[in-house]
Amino acid sequence: VQLQASGGGLVQAGDSLTLSCTFSGRTFSNYVMGWFRQAPGKEREFVSSIFWRTVYADSVKGRFTVSRDNAKNTLYLQMNNLKPDDTAFYYCAAHHRAVDDWRVWGMGTLVTVSS
């Protein structure tokens, strides 16, 4: 499986941004997909995941929306009302629905939110 995230950039606080992650190598619909982020000097943290249901970190709930298009093998993260604290490298990740650990990671895409 290969993942490629894109869509990062420099935005101002309050702006919106949509990240995409393309998936290849296996049957996309069999995989749980997720977004993680890592800010400078901080640990990587969970942001959101999607399979049968969606899950969000409390810090992004109500502002971020995860979705997937199984026909396009693509995962999305719509980020609204961005805050400077959202500044981080964002990574997409995947694991087969039969396992519980995140085994596949893409390269990160940088989101910078200025105040």
C-alpha atoms as a PDB file:
ATOM      1  CA  VAL A   1       0.000   0.000   0.000  1.00  0.00           C
ATOM      2  CA  GLN A   2       1.173   3.505  -0.806  1.00  0.00           C
ATOM      3  CA  LEU A   3      -0.243   6.756   0.495  1.00  0.00           C
ATOM      4  CA  GLN A   4       0.375  10.266  -0.779  1.00  0.00           C
ATOM      5  CA  ALA A   5      -0.950  13.273   1.078  1.00  0.00           C
ATOM      6  CA  SER A   6      -1.321  16.693  -0.481  1.00  0.00           C
ATOM      7  CA  GLY A   7      -3.075  19.999  -0.007  1.00  0.00           C
ATOM      8  CA  GLY A   8      -1.073  21.612   2.747  1.00  0.00           C
ATOM      9  CA  GLY A   9      -0.144  25.261   2.690  1.00  0.00           C
ATOM     10  CA  LEU A  10       0.038  28.561   4.502  1.00  0.00           C
ATOM     11  CA  VAL A  11      -3.287  30.026   5.593  1.00  0.00           C
ATOM     12  CA  GLN A  12      -4.546  32.571   8.068  1.00  0.00           C
ATOM     13  CA  ALA A  13      -6.460  31.813  11.234  1.00  0.00           C
ATOM     14  CA  GLY A  14     -10.105  31.241  10.426  1.00  0.00           C
ATOM     15  CA  ASP A  15      -9.409  30.002   6.906  1.00  0.00           C
ATOM     16  CA  SER A  16     -10.264  26.605   5.500  1.00  0.00           C
ATOM     17  CA  LEU A  17      -8.128  24.004   3.793  1.00  0.00           C
ATOM     18  CA  THR A  18      -8.754  20.539   2.400  1.00  0.00           C
ATOM     19  CA  LEU A  19      -6.161  17.807   2.500  1.00  0.00           C
ATOM     20  CA  SER A  20      -6.242  14.795   0.200  1.00  0.00           C
ATOM     21  CA  CYS A  21      -4.593  11.417   0.444  1.00  0.00           C
ATOM     22  CA  THR A  22      -4.424   9.053  -2.492  1.00  0.00           C
ATOM     23  CA  PHE A  23      -4.246   5.316  -1.821  1.00  0.00           C
ATOM     24  CA  SER A  24      -2.812   2.655  -4.090  1.00  0.00           C
ATOM     25  CA  GLY A  25      -1.748  -0.954  -4.018  1.00  0.00           C
ATOM     26  CA  ARG A  26      -4.716  -2.661  -2.421  1.00  0.00           C
ATOM     27  CA  THR A  27      -8.499  -2.449  -2.225  1.00  0.00           C
ATOM     28  CA  PHE A  28      -9.142   0.925  -0.644  1.00  0.00           C
ATOM     29  CA  SER A  29     -12.561   0.045   0.707  1.00  0.00           C
ATOM     30  CA  ASN A  30     -11.030  -2.662   2.933  1.00  0.00           C
ATOM     31  CA  TYR A  31      -8.891  -0.156   4.806  1.00  0.00           C
ATOM     32  CA  VAL A  32      -9.510   2.060   7.770  1.00  0.00           C
ATOM     33  CA  MET A  33      -8.074   5.465   6.936  1.00  0.00           C
ATOM     34  CA  GLY A  34      -6.826   8.099   9.301  1.00  0.00           C
ATOM     35  CA  TRP A  35      -5.215  11.473   9.677  1.00  0.00           C
ATOM     36  CA  PHE A  36      -2.514  12.274  12.204  1.00  0.00           C
ATOM     37  CA  ARG A  37      -0.455  15.385  12.755  1.00  0.00           C
ATOM     38  CA  GLN A  38       2.815  16.359  14.330  1.00  0.00           C
ATOM     39  CA  ALA A  39       3.658  19.880  15.335  1.00  0.00           C
ATOM     40  CA  PRO A  40       7.276  21.011  15.770  1.00  0.00           C
ATOM     41  CA  GLY A  41       8.627  19.715  19.041  1.00  0.00           C
ATOM     42  CA  LYS A  42       5.517  17.692  19.829  1.00  0.00           C
ATOM     43  CA  GLU A  43       4.452  14.090  19.646  1.00  0.00           C
ATOM     44  CA  ARG A  44       2.406  12.836  16.736  1.00  0.00           C
ATOM     45  CA  GLU A  45      -1.282  12.913  17.562  1.00  0.00           C
ATOM     46  CA  PHE A  46      -4.421  11.379  16.175  1.00  0.00           C
ATOM     47  CA  VAL A  47      -6.736  13.722  14.280  1.00  0.00           C
ATOM     48  CA  SER A  48      -9.453  11.627  12.673  1.00  0.00           C
ATOM     49  CA  SER A  49     -10.303   8.263  11.178  1.00  0.00           C
ATOM     50  CA  ILE A  50     -12.978   6.791   8.969  1.00  0.00           C
ATOM     51  CA  PHE A  51     -14.305   3.392   8.048  1.00  0.00           C
ATOM     52  CA  TRP A  52     -17.871   2.509   8.973  1.00  0.00           C
ATOM     53  CA  ARG A  53     -17.911   5.543  11.243  1.00  0.00           C
ATOM     54  CA  THR A  54     -15.889   8.674  11.740  1.00  0.00           C
ATOM     55  CA  VAL A  55     -13.833   9.503  14.816  1.00  0.00           C
ATOM     56  CA  TYR A  56     -12.343  12.865  15.732  1.00  0.00           C
ATOM     57  CA  ALA A  57      -9.924  14.191  18.287  1.00  0.00           C
ATOM     58  CA  ASP A  58     -11.607  16.600  20.671  1.00  0.00           C
ATOM     59  CA  SER A  59      -9.343  19.400  19.472  1.00  0.00           C
ATOM     60  CA  VAL A  60     -10.767  19.273  15.936  1.00  0.00           C
ATOM     61  CA  LYS A  61     -14.325  18.113  16.546  1.00  0.00           C
ATOM     62  CA  GLY A  62     -16.785  20.473  14.923  1.00  0.00           C
ATOM     63  CA  ARG A  63     -14.128  22.070  12.721  1.00  0.00           C
ATOM     64  CA  PHE A  64     -12.677  19.188  10.710  1.00  0.00           C
ATOM     65  CA  THR A  65     -14.554  16.707   8.552  1.00  0.00           C
ATOM     66  CA  VAL A  66     -13.044  13.466   7.298  1.00  0.00           C
ATOM     67  CA  SER A  67     -14.440  11.744   4.229  1.00  0.00           C
ATOM     68  CA  ARG A  68     -13.463   9.194   1.659  1.00  0.00           C
ATOM     69  CA  ASP A  69     -14.299   8.463  -1.946  1.00  0.00           C
ATOM     70  CA  ASN A  70     -13.897   4.733  -2.486  1.00  0.00           C
ATOM     71  CA  ALA A  71     -14.334   5.142  -6.235  1.00  0.00           C
ATOM     72  CA  LYS A  72     -11.352   7.495  -6.359  1.00  0.00           C
ATOM     73  CA  ASN A  73      -9.274   5.735  -3.690  1.00  0.00           C
ATOM     74  CA  THR A  74      -8.965   9.051  -1.910  1.00  0.00           C
ATOM     75  CA  LEU A  75      -9.236  10.254   1.655  1.00  0.00           C
ATOM     76  CA  TYR A  76     -10.025  13.862   2.509  1.00  0.00           C
ATOM     77  CA  LEU A  77      -9.792  16.134   5.503  1.00  0.00           C
ATOM     78  CA  GLN A  78     -11.811  19.331   5.301  1.00  0.00           C
ATOM     79  CA  MET A  79     -10.433  21.752   7.864  1.00  0.00           C
ATOM     80  CA  ASN A  80     -12.466  24.820   8.759  1.00  0.00           C
ATOM     81  CA  ASN A  81     -11.850  27.659  11.180  1.00  0.00           C
ATOM     82  CA  LEU A  82      -8.166  26.825  11.336  1.00  0.00           C
ATOM     83  CA  LYS A  83      -6.188  27.943  14.353  1.00  0.00           C
ATOM     84  CA  PRO A  84      -2.459  28.535  14.826  1.00  0.00           C
ATOM     85  CA  ASP A  85      -2.432  25.421  17.050  1.00  0.00           C
ATOM     86  CA  ASP A  86      -3.396  23.396  13.967  1.00  0.00           C
ATOM     87  CA  THR A  87       0.022  24.111  12.468  1.00  0.00           C
ATOM     88  CA  ALA A  88       1.699  20.752  11.878  1.00  0.00           C
ATOM     89  CA  PHE A  89       2.726  18.163   9.383  1.00  0.00           C
ATOM     90  CA  TYR A  90      -0.366  16.139   8.543  1.00  0.00           C
ATOM     91  CA  TYR A  91      -0.014  12.468   7.722  1.00  0.00           C
ATOM     92  CA  CYS A  92      -2.490  10.017   6.330  1.00  0.00           C
ATOM     93  CA  ALA A  93      -2.357   6.454   7.562  1.00  0.00           C
ATOM     94  CA  ALA A  94      -4.101   3.192   6.857  1.00  0.00           C
ATOM     95  CA  HIS A  95      -4.671  -0.250   8.238  1.00  0.00           C
ATOM     96  CA  HIS A  96      -6.645  -3.181   6.967  1.00  0.00           C
ATOM     97  CA  ARG A  97      -9.976  -3.570   8.699  1.00  0.00           C
ATOM     98  CA  ALA A  98      -8.829  -6.929  10.123  1.00  0.00           C
ATOM     99  CA  VAL A  99      -6.024  -5.369  12.181  1.00  0.00           C
ATOM    100  CA  ASP A 100      -5.875  -2.638  14.787  1.00  0.00           C
ATOM    101  CA  ASP A 101      -2.538  -0.902  14.334  1.00  0.00           C
ATOM    102  CA  TRP A 102      -1.703   1.808  11.827  1.00  0.00           C
ATOM    103  CA  ARG A 103       0.737   0.025   9.539  1.00  0.00           C
ATOM    104  CA  VAL A 104       0.963   2.247   6.502  1.00  0.00           C
ATOM    105  CA  TRP A 105       1.974   5.878   6.530  1.00  0.00           C
ATOM    106  CA  GLY A 106       2.254   8.500   3.859  1.00  0.00           C
ATOM    107  CA  MET A 107       4.618  11.422   3.675  1.00  0.00           C
ATOM    108  CA  GLY A 108       3.359  14.454   5.522  1.00  0.00           C
ATOM    109  CA  THR A 109       1.972  17.651   4.122  1.00  0.00           C
ATOM    110  CA  LEU A 110       2.647  20.855   6.018  1.00  0.00           C
ATOM    111  CA  VAL A 111      -0.172  23.072   7.210  1.00  0.00           C
ATOM    112  CA  THR A 112       0.836  26.434   8.621  1.00  0.00           C
ATOM    113  CA  VAL A 113      -1.758  28.679  10.186  1.00  0.00           C
ATOM    114  CA  SER A 114      -0.741  32.246  10.865  1.00  0.00           C
ATOM    115  CA  SER A 115      -2.449  34.386  13.475  1.00  0.00           C
END
